[in-house]
Amino acid sequence: MRTALCLVFFLSAGRSFAAEEPAPDRPVMILVVGAAGAEEFGAVFGQWADRWQEAAAQAGVDCMRLGDDEAKESDHARLRGAIEGVRRDGDSPLWLVLIGHGTFDGRMAKFNLRGPDLAAADLAAWLESVSRPTVVIDCAAASAPFLNALSRASRVVLTATKSGHEQNYARFGDYLSKAIVDPVADLDRDGQTSLLEAFLKAARGTAEFYEQDGRLATETALLDDNGDGRGTPAAWYRGTRVVRDAEDGAVADGLRAHQIHLLPSREEQHLSAEVRARRDELERAIAELRAKKKGELGEDEYYAQLEPLLVELARLHATPAEP
């Protein structure tokens, strides 16, 4: 049933995953189920992974699942092979979803796998040459150091915790697996749930769990997509806009994540790659200009630079979609 839900493009556990020729430019998901440690966690992590698989199948995203199947190689080696086997460039996102437990010894964070665990530095090295849009979601406890290690300007990183010292079992992954294609999470009502919107719904659902259960919250999810390695919690957002300034004049986290949808709307799917890329570029340019307005630009100069960006963006929105 699981294999029917997900197109497994790496066939045998023992073979090399390296591609002999460039893979097509289409969205890819690598879904990793970590070592459960106990049967009860294995069942829970399996449910979360099933939801991601179903969402990927619904979206037509190529997906590989590893970690809760039979394999001859270690999951550490298989994950490295899977990452090395995907296309490095292109416009379609690469999704890497880690579901399981994590540890932190005060110096190094790791994601628990069967066999050797995955260190944040390992994953950073494997992804170093990947220039395509990349989403890394670490749903484990003690996952925040992965954000620090993986943060890049072209990358979106979500972690279940804001610190490596938040080491209790993390529930964020449960809520995110439900929110990723949930229409209820669509805050701007554009017919699609962005990664940012799913993050906000999941983080707030997690916080409500602790409040309603009368517990002290032991996890705070973060999102980083501006490359500064700091991350932003859901509490800093009103709607899809951050209400606090990023440090050093950087564009606030959230814009890139709001431009990524696992399941795009029909209108989004019918946009040409060129129009979509230019629209996203213009939206980022407007956000950068707004960040400069508060310290570097006078009002007249700000509006002089803003007007042509808004005019071009309006023209793009008026461009007929491809049939």
C-alpha atoms as a PDB file:
ATOM      1  CA  MET A   1       0.000   0.000   0.000  1.00  0.00           C
ATOM      2  CA  ARG A   2       2.801   2.396   0.884  1.00  0.00           C
ATOM      3  CA  THR A   3       4.608   1.829  -2.385  1.00  0.00           C
ATOM      4  CA  ALA A   4       1.352   2.429  -4.264  1.00  0.00           C
ATOM      5  CA  LEU A   5       1.083   5.842  -2.644  1.00  0.00           C
ATOM      6  CA  CYS A   6       4.530   6.983  -3.618  1.00  0.00           C
ATOM      7  CA  LEU A   7       6.605   6.683  -6.803  1.00  0.00           C
ATOM      8  CA  VAL A   8       9.797   5.020  -5.623  1.00  0.00           C
ATOM      9  CA  PHE A   9      12.414   5.930  -8.166  1.00  0.00           C
ATOM     10  CA  PHE A  10      15.324   4.305  -6.366  1.00  0.00           C
ATOM     11  CA  LEU A  11      14.570   0.630  -6.660  1.00  0.00           C
ATOM     12  CA  SER A  12      16.722  -1.687  -4.571  1.00  0.00           C
ATOM     13  CA  ALA A  13      18.104  -1.027  -1.123  1.00  0.00           C
ATOM     14  CA  GLY A  14      21.497  -2.416  -2.083  1.00  0.00           C
ATOM     15  CA  ARG A  15      22.131  -0.518  -5.322  1.00  0.00           C
ATOM     16  CA  SER A  16      23.804   2.858  -5.783  1.00  0.00           C
ATOM     17  CA  PHE A  17      21.369   5.759  -6.041  1.00  0.00           C
ATOM     18  CA  ALA A  18      23.655   7.858  -8.247  1.00  0.00           C
ATOM     19  CA  ALA A  19      21.934   8.881 -11.474  1.00  0.00           C
ATOM     20  CA  GLU A  20      23.603   7.987 -14.778  1.00  0.00           C
ATOM     21  CA  GLU A  21      21.999  10.957 -16.535  1.00  0.00           C
ATOM     22  CA  PRO A  22      20.324  14.147 -15.306  1.00  0.00           C
ATOM     23  CA  ALA A  23      16.960  13.503 -13.708  1.00  0.00           C
ATOM     24  CA  PRO A  24      13.963  15.426 -15.049  1.00  0.00           C
ATOM     25  CA  ASP A  25      13.215  18.753 -13.421  1.00  0.00           C
ATOM     26  CA  ARG A  26      10.222  17.786 -11.291  1.00  0.00           C
ATOM     27  CA  PRO A  27       9.508  18.044  -7.570  1.00  0.00           C
ATOM     28  CA  VAL A  28      11.121  15.298  -5.514  1.00  0.00           C
ATOM     29  CA  MET A  29      10.539  14.246  -1.916  1.00  0.00           C
ATOM     30  CA  ILE A  30      12.873  12.118   0.194  1.00  0.00           C
ATOM     31  CA  LEU A  31      10.922  10.956   3.221  1.00  0.00           C
ATOM     32  CA  VAL A  32      12.998   9.552   6.087  1.00  0.00           C
ATOM     33  CA  VAL A  33      11.514   7.653   9.024  1.00  0.00           C
ATOM     34  CA  GLY A  34      14.087   7.532  11.803  1.00  0.00           C
ATOM     35  CA  ALA A  35      14.752   4.873  14.406  1.00  0.00           C
ATOM     36  CA  ALA A  36      11.641   4.587  16.564  1.00  0.00           C
ATOM     37  CA  GLY A  37      13.287   3.366  19.751  1.00  0.00           C
ATOM     38  CA  ALA A  38       9.947   1.942  20.896  1.00  0.00           C
ATOM     39  CA  GLU A  39       7.055   0.303  19.089  1.00  0.00           C
ATOM     40  CA  GLU A  40       4.610   3.048  20.043  1.00  0.00           C
ATOM     41  CA  PHE A  41       6.767   5.693  18.380  1.00  0.00           C
ATOM     42  CA  GLY A  42       7.213   3.539  15.295  1.00  0.00           C
ATOM     43  CA  ALA A  43       3.458   3.445  14.782  1.00  0.00           C
ATOM     44  CA  VAL A  44       3.135   7.209  15.267  1.00  0.00           C
ATOM     45  CA  PHE A  45       6.017   8.065  12.948  1.00  0.00           C
ATOM     46  CA  GLY A  46       4.565   5.700  10.362  1.00  0.00           C
ATOM     47  CA  GLN A  47       1.263   7.587  10.438  1.00  0.00           C
ATOM     48  CA  TRP A  48       3.015  10.913   9.913  1.00  0.00           C
ATOM     49  CA  ALA A  49       5.005   9.484   7.017  1.00  0.00           C
ATOM     50  CA  ASP A  50       1.848   7.996   5.478  1.00  0.00           C
ATOM     51  CA  ARG A  51       0.268  11.459   5.416  1.00  0.00           C
ATOM     52  CA  TRP A  52       3.298  12.918   3.654  1.00  0.00           C
ATOM     53  CA  GLN A  53       3.235  10.066   1.157  1.00  0.00           C
ATOM     54  CA  GLU A  54      -0.432  10.603   0.451  1.00  0.00           C
ATOM     55  CA  ALA A  55       0.132  14.328  -0.007  1.00  0.00           C
ATOM     56  CA  ALA A  56       3.049  13.682  -2.373  1.00  0.00           C
ATOM     57  CA  ALA A  57       0.976  11.239  -4.413  1.00  0.00           C
ATOM     58  CA  GLN A  58      -1.884  13.752  -4.559  1.00  0.00           C
ATOM     59  CA  ALA A  59       0.535  16.400  -5.813  1.00  0.00           C
ATOM     60  CA  GLY A  60       2.256  14.107  -8.324  1.00  0.00           C
ATOM     61  CA  VAL A  61       5.597  14.511  -6.561  1.00  0.00           C
ATOM     62  CA  ASP A  62       8.258  11.834  -7.020  1.00  0.00           C
ATOM     63  CA  CYS A  63       8.842  10.380  -3.574  1.00  0.00           C
ATOM     64  CA  MET A  64      11.205   7.956  -1.893  1.00  0.00           C
ATOM     65  CA  ARG A  65      10.560   6.630   1.598  1.00  0.00           C
ATOM     66  CA  LEU A  66      13.231   4.954   3.662  1.00  0.00           C
ATOM     67  CA  GLY A  67      13.851   4.026   7.260  1.00  0.00           C
ATOM     68  CA  ASP A  68      10.921   1.744   8.044  1.00  0.00           C
ATOM     69  CA  ASP A  69      11.499  -0.748   5.250  1.00  0.00           C
ATOM     70  CA  GLU A  70      13.850  -3.689   4.874  1.00  0.00           C
ATOM     71  CA  ALA A  71      17.299  -2.779   3.622  1.00  0.00           C
ATOM     72  CA  LYS A  72      20.801  -4.228   3.416  1.00  0.00           C
ATOM     73  CA  GLU A  73      22.600  -0.911   3.591  1.00  0.00           C
ATOM     74  CA  SER A  74      22.433   1.477   6.531  1.00  0.00           C
ATOM     75  CA  ASP A  75      19.849   4.229   6.301  1.00  0.00           C
ATOM     76  CA  HIS A  76      22.705   6.730   6.602  1.00  0.00           C
ATOM     77  CA  ALA A  77      24.262   5.385   3.385  1.00  0.00           C
ATOM     78  CA  ARG A  78      20.913   5.103   1.640  1.00  0.00           C
ATOM     79  CA  LEU A  79      19.996   8.685   2.457  1.00  0.00           C
ATOM     80  CA  ARG A  80      23.309   9.941   1.144  1.00  0.00           C
ATOM     81  CA  GLY A  81      22.793   7.914  -2.039  1.00  0.00           C
ATOM     82  CA  ALA A  82      19.265   9.248  -2.453  1.00  0.00           C
ATOM     83  CA  ILE A  83      20.426  12.853  -2.170  1.00  0.00           C
ATOM     84  CA  GLU A  84      23.303  12.257  -4.564  1.00  0.00           C
ATOM     85  CA  GLY A  85      20.878  10.694  -7.045  1.00  0.00           C
ATOM     86  CA  VAL A  86      18.589  13.702  -7.458  1.00  0.00           C
ATOM     87  CA  ARG A  87      19.041  16.518  -9.902  1.00  0.00           C
ATOM     88  CA  ARG A  88      21.181  19.288  -8.406  1.00  0.00           C
ATOM     89  CA  ASP A  89      19.727  22.248 -10.303  1.00  0.00           C
ATOM     90  CA  GLY A  90      16.373  23.265 -11.747  1.00  0.00           C
ATOM     91  CA  ASP A  91      13.296  25.170 -10.607  1.00  0.00           C
ATOM     92  CA  SER A  92      11.318  22.359  -8.946  1.00  0.00           C
ATOM     93  CA  PRO A  93      11.741  21.897  -5.194  1.00  0.00           C
ATOM     94  CA  LEU A  94      13.570  19.080  -3.476  1.00  0.00           C
ATOM     95  CA  TRP A  95      11.777  18.153  -0.241  1.00  0.00           C
ATOM     96  CA  LEU A  96      13.645  16.352   2.529  1.00  0.00           C
ATOM     97  CA  VAL A  97      11.398  15.356   5.444  1.00  0.00           C
ATOM     98  CA  LEU A  98      12.911  13.824   8.596  1.00  0.00           C
ATOM     99  CA  ILE A  99      10.459  12.125  10.971  1.00  0.00           C
ATOM    100  CA  GLY A 100      11.715  10.645  14.225  1.00  0.00           C
ATOM    101  CA  HIS A 101      13.863  11.346  17.274  1.00  0.00           C
ATOM    102  CA  GLY A 102      16.855  13.631  17.658  1.00  0.00           C
ATOM    103  CA  THR A 103      19.656  14.105  20.159  1.00  0.00           C
ATOM    104  CA  PHE A 104      22.035  16.878  21.177  1.00  0.00           C
ATOM    105  CA  ASP A 105      25.121  16.466  23.363  1.00  0.00           C
ATOM    106  CA  GLY A 106      25.777  20.179  23.806  1.00  0.00           C
ATOM    107  CA  ARG A 107      28.010  20.275  20.761  1.00  0.00           C
ATOM    108  CA  MET A 108      26.493  18.174  17.987  1.00  0.00           C
ATOM    109  CA  ALA A 109      22.901  17.464  16.950  1.00  0.00           C
ATOM    110  CA  LYS A 110      21.935  14.204  15.305  1.00  0.00           C
ATOM    111  CA  PHE A 111      18.834  12.669  13.772  1.00  0.00           C
ATOM    112  CA  ASN A 112      18.430   9.068  14.922  1.00  0.00           C
ATOM    113  CA  LEU A 113      18.575   6.421  12.189  1.00  0.00           C
ATOM    114  CA  ARG A 114      18.871   2.662  12.204  1.00  0.00           C
ATOM    115  CA  GLY A 115      22.631   2.222  12.312  1.00  0.00           C
ATOM    116  CA  PRO A 116      24.787   5.374  12.238  1.00  0.00           C
ATOM    117  CA  ASP A 117      22.867   8.542  13.101  1.00  0.00           C
ATOM    118  CA  LEU A 118      22.696  11.556  10.815  1.00  0.00           C
ATOM    119  CA  ALA A 119      24.711  14.582  11.944  1.00  0.00           C
ATOM    120  CA  ALA A 120      23.716  18.062  10.828  1.00  0.00           C
ATOM    121  CA  ALA A 121      27.188  18.523   9.318  1.00  0.00           C
ATOM    122  CA  ASP A 122      26.751  15.375   7.191  1.00  0.00           C
ATOM    123  CA  LEU A 123      23.504  16.601   5.719  1.00  0.00           C
ATOM    124  CA  ALA A 124      24.953  20.066   5.068  1.00  0.00           C
ATOM    125  CA  ALA A 125      27.820  18.513   3.119  1.00  0.00           C
ATOM    126  CA  TRP A 126      25.532  16.277   1.036  1.00  0.00           C
ATOM    127  CA  LEU A 127      23.324  19.236   0.084  1.00  0.00           C
ATOM    128  CA  GLU A 128      26.188  21.646  -0.582  1.00  0.00           C
ATOM    129  CA  SER A 129      26.094  21.327  -4.386  1.00  0.00           C
ATOM    130  CA  VAL A 130      22.282  21.387  -4.646  1.00  0.00           C
ATOM    131  CA  SER A 131      21.226  24.713  -6.166  1.00  0.00           C
ATOM    132  CA  ARG A 132      17.558  23.917  -6.840  1.00  0.00           C
ATOM    133  CA  PRO A 133      14.985  25.187  -4.302  1.00  0.00           C
ATOM    134  CA  THR A 134      15.337  22.905  -1.294  1.00  0.00           C
ATOM    135  CA  VAL A 135      13.059  22.347   1.684  1.00  0.00           C
ATOM    136  CA  VAL A 136      14.451  20.576   4.752  1.00  0.00           C
ATOM    137  CA  ILE A 137      11.974  19.698   7.487  1.00  0.00           C
ATOM    138  CA  ASP A 138      13.316  18.155  10.683  1.00  0.00           C
ATOM    139  CA  CYS A 139      10.434  17.072  12.897  1.00  0.00           C
ATOM    140  CA  ALA A 140      12.658  15.658  15.641  1.00  0.00           C
ATOM    141  CA  ALA A 141      13.512  16.879  19.116  1.00  0.00           C
ATOM    142  CA  ALA A 142      16.774  18.820  19.461  1.00  0.00           C
ATOM    143  CA  SER A 143      16.539  19.723  15.773  1.00  0.00           C
ATOM    144  CA  ALA A 144      17.361  23.452  15.900  1.00  0.00           C
ATOM    145  CA  PRO A 145      21.108  22.974  15.212  1.00  0.00           C
ATOM    146  CA  PHE A 146      20.127  21.516  11.844  1.00  0.00           C
ATOM    147  CA  LEU A 147      18.678  24.931  10.968  1.00  0.00           C
ATOM    148  CA  ASN A 148      21.943  26.639  11.852  1.00  0.00           C
ATOM    149  CA  ALA A 149      23.965  24.170   9.786  1.00  0.00           C
ATOM    150  CA  LEU A 150      21.678  24.075   6.730  1.00  0.00           C
ATOM    151  CA  SER A 151      20.562  27.694   6.379  1.00  0.00           C
ATOM    152  CA  ARG A 152      21.138  29.066   2.860  1.00  0.00           C
ATOM    153  CA  ALA A 153      19.561  31.852   0.815  1.00  0.00           C
ATOM    154  CA  SER A 154      17.914  29.384  -1.591  1.00  0.00           C
ATOM    155  CA  ARG A 155      16.794  26.948   1.094  1.00  0.00           C
ATOM    156  CA  VAL A 156      13.836  26.692   3.469  1.00  0.00           C
ATOM    157  CA  VAL A 157      14.519  24.939   6.770  1.00  0.00           C
ATOM    158  CA  LEU A 158      11.895  24.011   9.373  1.00  0.00           C
ATOM    159  CA  THR A 159      12.750  22.532  12.751  1.00  0.00           C
ATOM    160  CA  ALA A 160      10.523  21.322  15.560  1.00  0.00           C
ATOM    161  CA  THR A 161      12.599  23.100  18.200  1.00  0.00           C
ATOM    162  CA  LYS A 162      14.339  26.433  18.731  1.00  0.00           C
ATOM    163  CA  SER A 163      17.239  24.869  20.626  1.00  0.00           C
ATOM    164  CA  GLY A 164      19.225  21.676  20.746  1.00  0.00           C
ATOM    165  CA  HIS A 165      18.349  21.539  24.438  1.00  0.00           C
ATOM    166  CA  GLU A 166      14.636  20.995  23.695  1.00  0.00           C
ATOM    167  CA  GLN A 167      15.124  17.245  23.775  1.00  0.00           C
ATOM    168  CA  ASN A 168      11.707  15.897  24.751  1.00  0.00           C
ATOM    169  CA  TYR A 169       9.566  14.042  22.218  1.00  0.00           C
ATOM    170  CA  ALA A 170       8.418  16.586  19.610  1.00  0.00           C
ATOM    171  CA  ARG A 171       4.830  16.666  18.331  1.00  0.00           C
ATOM    172  CA  PHE A 172       5.281  19.322  15.660  1.00  0.00           C
ATOM    173  CA  GLY A 173       5.645  16.663  12.952  1.00  0.00           C
ATOM    174  CA  ASP A 174       2.174  15.334  13.680  1.00  0.00           C
ATOM    175  CA  TYR A 175       0.532  18.706  13.100  1.00  0.00           C
ATOM    176  CA  LEU A 176       2.661  19.551  10.065  1.00  0.00           C
ATOM    177  CA  SER A 177       1.851  16.262   8.327  1.00  0.00           C
ATOM    178  CA  LYS A 178      -1.837  17.173   8.660  1.00  0.00           C
ATOM    179  CA  ALA A 179      -1.437  20.812   7.608  1.00  0.00           C
ATOM    180  CA  ILE A 180       0.772  20.522   4.520  1.00  0.00           C
ATOM    181  CA  VAL A 181      -2.154  20.238   2.060  1.00  0.00           C
ATOM    182  CA  ASP A 182      -4.995  21.242   4.401  1.00  0.00           C
ATOM    183  CA  PRO A 183      -7.217  23.917   2.768  1.00  0.00           C
ATOM    184  CA  VAL A 184      -8.051  25.248   6.243  1.00  0.00           C
ATOM    185  CA  ALA A 185      -4.418  26.382   6.570  1.00  0.00           C
ATOM    186  CA  ASP A 186      -4.734  28.593   3.458  1.00  0.00           C
ATOM    187  CA  LEU A 187      -4.640  31.977   5.193  1.00  0.00           C
ATOM    188  CA  ASP A 188      -4.604  34.170   2.095  1.00  0.00           C
ATOM    189  CA  ARG A 189      -7.371  32.146   0.411  1.00  0.00           C
ATOM    190  CA  ASP A 190      -5.536  31.716  -2.885  1.00  0.00           C
ATOM    191  CA  GLY A 191      -6.639  28.104  -3.270  1.00  0.00           C
ATOM    192  CA  GLN A 192      -3.368  26.524  -2.141  1.00  0.00           C
ATOM    193  CA  THR A 193      -1.569  25.925   1.153  1.00  0.00           C
ATOM    194  CA  SER A 194       1.963  27.255   1.156  1.00  0.00           C
ATOM    195  CA  LEU A 195       4.752  25.802   3.254  1.00  0.00           C
ATOM    196  CA  LEU A 196       4.635  28.948   5.404  1.00  0.00           C
ATOM    197  CA  GLU A 197       0.899  28.558   6.005  1.00  0.00           C
ATOM    198  CA  ALA A 198       1.334  24.884   6.907  1.00  0.00           C
ATOM    199  CA  PHE A 199       4.158  25.804   9.303  1.00  0.00           C
ATOM    200  CA  LEU A 200       2.011  28.427  11.023  1.00  0.00           C
ATOM    201  CA  LYS A 201      -0.956  26.089  11.432  1.00  0.00           C
ATOM    202  CA  ALA A 202       1.237  23.248  12.698  1.00  0.00           C
ATOM    203  CA  ALA A 203       3.192  25.412  15.143  1.00  0.00           C
ATOM    204  CA  ARG A 204       0.024  26.895  16.588  1.00  0.00           C
ATOM    205  CA  GLY A 205      -1.599  23.485  16.823  1.00  0.00           C
ATOM    206  CA  THR A 206       1.428  22.247  18.737  1.00  0.00           C
ATOM    207  CA  ALA A 207       1.279  25.208  21.120  1.00  0.00           C
ATOM    208  CA  GLU A 208      -2.446  24.635  21.721  1.00  0.00           C
ATOM    209  CA  PHE A 209      -1.773  21.003  22.616  1.00  0.00           C
ATOM    210  CA  TYR A 210       0.472  22.030  25.493  1.00  0.00           C
ATOM    211  CA  GLU A 211      -1.902  24.767  26.626  1.00  0.00           C
ATOM    212  CA  GLN A 212      -4.976  22.535  26.617  1.00  0.00           C
ATOM    213  CA  ASP A 213      -3.120  19.687  28.319  1.00  0.00           C
ATOM    214  CA  GLY A 214      -1.803  22.028  31.011  1.00  0.00           C
ATOM    215  CA  ARG A 215       1.810  21.234  30.186  1.00  0.00           C
ATOM    216  CA  LEU A 216       4.869  23.419  29.900  1.00  0.00           C
ATOM    217  CA  ALA A 217       5.735  23.605  26.194  1.00  0.00           C
ATOM    218  CA  THR A 218       8.965  21.751  25.482  1.00  0.00           C
ATOM    219  CA  GLU A 219       9.225  22.621  21.774  1.00  0.00           C
ATOM    220  CA  THR A 220       9.029  25.765  19.669  1.00  0.00           C
ATOM    221  CA  ALA A 221       9.186  25.309  15.910  1.00  0.00           C
ATOM    222  CA  LEU A 222      11.308  27.616  13.728  1.00  0.00           C
ATOM    223  CA  LEU A 223      11.305  28.553  10.056  1.00  0.00           C
ATOM    224  CA  ASP A 224      14.331  29.951   8.224  1.00  0.00           C
ATOM    225  CA  ASP A 225      14.321  30.964   4.561  1.00  0.00           C
ATOM    226  CA  ASN A 226      16.405  34.149   4.405  1.00  0.00           C
ATOM    227  CA  GLY A 227      19.750  32.450   4.984  1.00  0.00           C
ATOM    228  CA  ASP A 228      20.649  34.138   8.251  1.00  0.00           C
ATOM    229  CA  GLY A 229      20.525  30.905  10.261  1.00  0.00           C
ATOM    230  CA  ARG A 230      18.410  32.372  13.061  1.00  0.00           C
ATOM    231  CA  GLY A 231      14.894  31.188  12.278  1.00  0.00           C
ATOM    232  CA  THR A 232      11.544  32.710  13.193  1.00  0.00           C
ATOM    233  CA  PRO A 233       8.823  31.244  15.450  1.00  0.00           C
ATOM    234  CA  ALA A 234       5.143  31.278  14.492  1.00  0.00           C
ATOM    235  CA  ALA A 235       4.347  33.744  17.288  1.00  0.00           C
ATOM    236  CA  TRP A 236       6.130  36.478  15.311  1.00  0.00           C
ATOM    237  CA  TYR A 237       3.606  36.324  12.460  1.00  0.00           C
ATOM    238  CA  ARG A 238       0.294  38.076  11.933  1.00  0.00           C
ATOM    239  CA  GLY A 239      -1.330  36.309   9.026  1.00  0.00           C
ATOM    240  CA  THR A 240       1.587  35.508   6.733  1.00  0.00           C
ATOM    241  CA  ARG A 241       3.612  38.624   7.584  1.00  0.00           C
ATOM    242  CA  VAL A 242       6.281  38.867  10.256  1.00  0.00           C
ATOM    243  CA  VAL A 243       5.572  41.740  12.642  1.00  0.00           C
ATOM    244  CA  ARG A 244       9.121  41.990  13.964  1.00  0.00           C
ATOM    245  CA  ASP A 245      12.154  43.214  12.040  1.00  0.00           C
ATOM    246  CA  ALA A 246      14.869  40.784  11.015  1.00  0.00           C
ATOM    247  CA  GLU A 247      18.342  41.588  12.283  1.00  0.00           C
ATOM    248  CA  ASP A 248      20.957  43.362  10.130  1.00  0.00           C
ATOM    249  CA  GLY A 249      18.296  44.585   7.689  1.00  0.00           C
ATOM    250  CA  ALA A 250      17.643  41.120   6.275  1.00  0.00           C
ATOM    251  CA  VAL A 251      14.327  40.264   4.653  1.00  0.00           C
ATOM    252  CA  ALA A 252      12.160  38.582   7.267  1.00  0.00           C
ATOM    253  CA  ASP A 253      11.703  34.819   7.122  1.00  0.00           C
ATOM    254  CA  GLY A 254       8.611  33.504   5.395  1.00  0.00           C
ATOM    255  CA  LEU A 255       8.573  34.924   1.868  1.00  0.00           C
ATOM    256  CA  ARG A 256      10.269  31.996   0.118  1.00  0.00           C
ATOM    257  CA  ALA A 257       8.290  29.502   2.186  1.00  0.00           C
ATOM    258  CA  HIS A 258       5.095  31.263   1.108  1.00  0.00           C
ATOM    259  CA  GLN A 259       6.114  30.791  -2.538  1.00  0.00           C
ATOM    260  CA  ILE A 260       6.423  27.000  -2.176  1.00  0.00           C
ATOM    261  CA  HIS A 261       3.384  24.719  -2.335  1.00  0.00           C
ATOM    262  CA  LEU A 262       3.475  20.949  -2.203  1.00  0.00           C
ATOM    263  CA  LEU A 263       0.065  20.931  -3.914  1.00  0.00           C
ATOM    264  CA  PRO A 264      -0.215  24.034  -6.129  1.00  0.00           C
ATOM    265  CA  SER A 265      -3.585  25.400  -7.221  1.00  0.00           C
ATOM    266  CA  ARG A 266      -4.715  24.916 -10.813  1.00  0.00           C
ATOM    267  CA  GLU A 267      -3.890  28.544 -11.542  1.00  0.00           C
ATOM    268  CA  GLU A 268      -0.372  28.088 -10.160  1.00  0.00           C
ATOM    269  CA  GLN A 269       0.183  24.903 -12.154  1.00  0.00           C
ATOM    270  CA  HIS A 270      -0.820  26.646 -15.379  1.00  0.00           C
ATOM    271  CA  LEU A 271       1.740  29.425 -14.983  1.00  0.00           C
ATOM    272  CA  SER A 272       4.816  28.981 -17.154  1.00  0.00           C
ATOM    273  CA  ALA A 273       8.094  28.374 -15.321  1.00  0.00           C
ATOM    274  CA  GLU A 274       9.358  31.728 -16.593  1.00  0.00           C
ATOM    275  CA  VAL A 275       6.354  33.702 -15.327  1.00  0.00           C
ATOM    276  CA  ARG A 276       6.411  31.929 -11.968  1.00  0.00           C
ATOM    277  CA  ALA A 277      10.153  32.552 -11.522  1.00  0.00           C
ATOM    278  CA  ARG A 278       9.842  36.232 -12.418  1.00  0.00           C
ATOM    279  CA  ARG A 279       6.843  36.708 -10.130  1.00  0.00           C
ATOM    280  CA  ASP A 280       8.734  35.175  -7.210  1.00  0.00           C
ATOM    281  CA  GLU A 281      11.752  37.349  -8.005  1.00  0.00           C
ATOM    282  CA  LEU A 282       9.623  40.489  -8.022  1.00  0.00           C
ATOM    283  CA  GLU A 283       7.974  39.574  -4.725  1.00  0.00           C
ATOM    284  CA  ARG A 284      11.389  39.108  -3.142  1.00  0.00           C
ATOM    285  CA  ALA A 285      12.602  42.422  -4.576  1.00  0.00           C
ATOM    286  CA  ILE A 286       9.581  44.206  -3.075  1.00  0.00           C
ATOM    287  CA  ALA A 287      10.227  42.584   0.292  1.00  0.00           C
ATOM    288  CA  GLU A 288      13.894  43.640   0.177  1.00  0.00           C
ATOM    289  CA  LEU A 289      12.853  47.183  -0.678  1.00  0.00           C
ATOM    290  CA  ARG A 290      10.459  47.286   2.281  1.00  0.00           C
ATOM    291  CA  ALA A 291      13.265  46.135   4.561  1.00  0.00           C
ATOM    292  CA  LYS A 292      15.466  48.988   3.301  1.00  0.00           C
ATOM    293  CA  LYS A 293      12.739  51.586   3.693  1.00  0.00           C
ATOM    294  CA  LYS A 294      13.014  51.670   7.469  1.00  0.00           C
ATOM    295  CA  GLY A 295      16.658  52.698   7.563  1.00  0.00           C
ATOM    296  CA  GLU A 296      18.218  53.313   4.173  1.00  0.00           C
ATOM    297  CA  LEU A 297      15.626  54.924   1.891  1.00  0.00           C
ATOM    298  CA  GLY A 298      13.647  58.120   2.061  1.00  0.00           C
ATOM    299  CA  GLU A 299       9.946  57.997   1.268  1.00  0.00           C
ATOM    300  CA  ASP A 300      10.270  59.489  -2.236  1.00  0.00           C
ATOM    301  CA  GLU A 301      13.078  57.155  -3.237  1.00  0.00           C
ATOM    302  CA  TYR A 302      11.222  54.181  -1.771  1.00  0.00           C
ATOM    303  CA  TYR A 303       8.096  54.815  -3.856  1.00  0.00           C
ATOM    304  CA  ALA A 304      10.153  55.594  -6.962  1.00  0.00           C
ATOM    305  CA  GLN A 305      11.759  52.160  -6.752  1.00  0.00           C
ATOM    306  CA  LEU A 306       8.563  50.398  -5.678  1.00  0.00           C
ATOM    307  CA  GLU A 307       6.314  51.596  -8.501  1.00  0.00           C
ATOM    308  CA  PRO A 308       8.002  49.786 -11.441  1.00  0.00           C
ATOM    309  CA  LEU A 309       8.141  46.562  -9.440  1.00  0.00           C
ATOM    310  CA  LEU A 310       4.419  46.722  -8.665  1.00  0.00           C
ATOM    311  CA  VAL A 311       3.549  47.599 -12.269  1.00  0.00           C
ATOM    312  CA  GLU A 312       5.507  44.632 -13.632  1.00  0.00           C
ATOM    313  CA  LEU A 313       4.008  42.340 -11.006  1.00  0.00           C
ATOM    314  CA  ALA A 314       0.496  43.461 -11.970  1.00  0.00           C
ATOM    315  CA  ARG A 315       1.259  42.792 -15.622  1.00  0.00           C
ATOM    316  CA  LEU A 316       2.483  39.302 -14.788  1.00  0.00           C
ATOM    317  CA  HIS A 317      -0.714  38.562 -12.887  1.00  0.00           C
ATOM    318  CA  ALA A 318      -2.653  39.675 -15.961  1.00  0.00           C
ATOM    319  CA  THR A 319      -0.686  37.313 -18.247  1.00  0.00           C
ATOM    320  CA  PRO A 320      -2.919  34.513 -19.556  1.00  0.00           C
ATOM    321  CA  ALA A 321      -2.056  31.141 -18.053  1.00  0.00           C
ATOM    322  CA  GLU A 322      -0.963  28.240 -20.215  1.00  0.00           C
ATOM    323  CA  PRO A 323      -3.858  25.912 -21.169  1.00  0.00           C
END
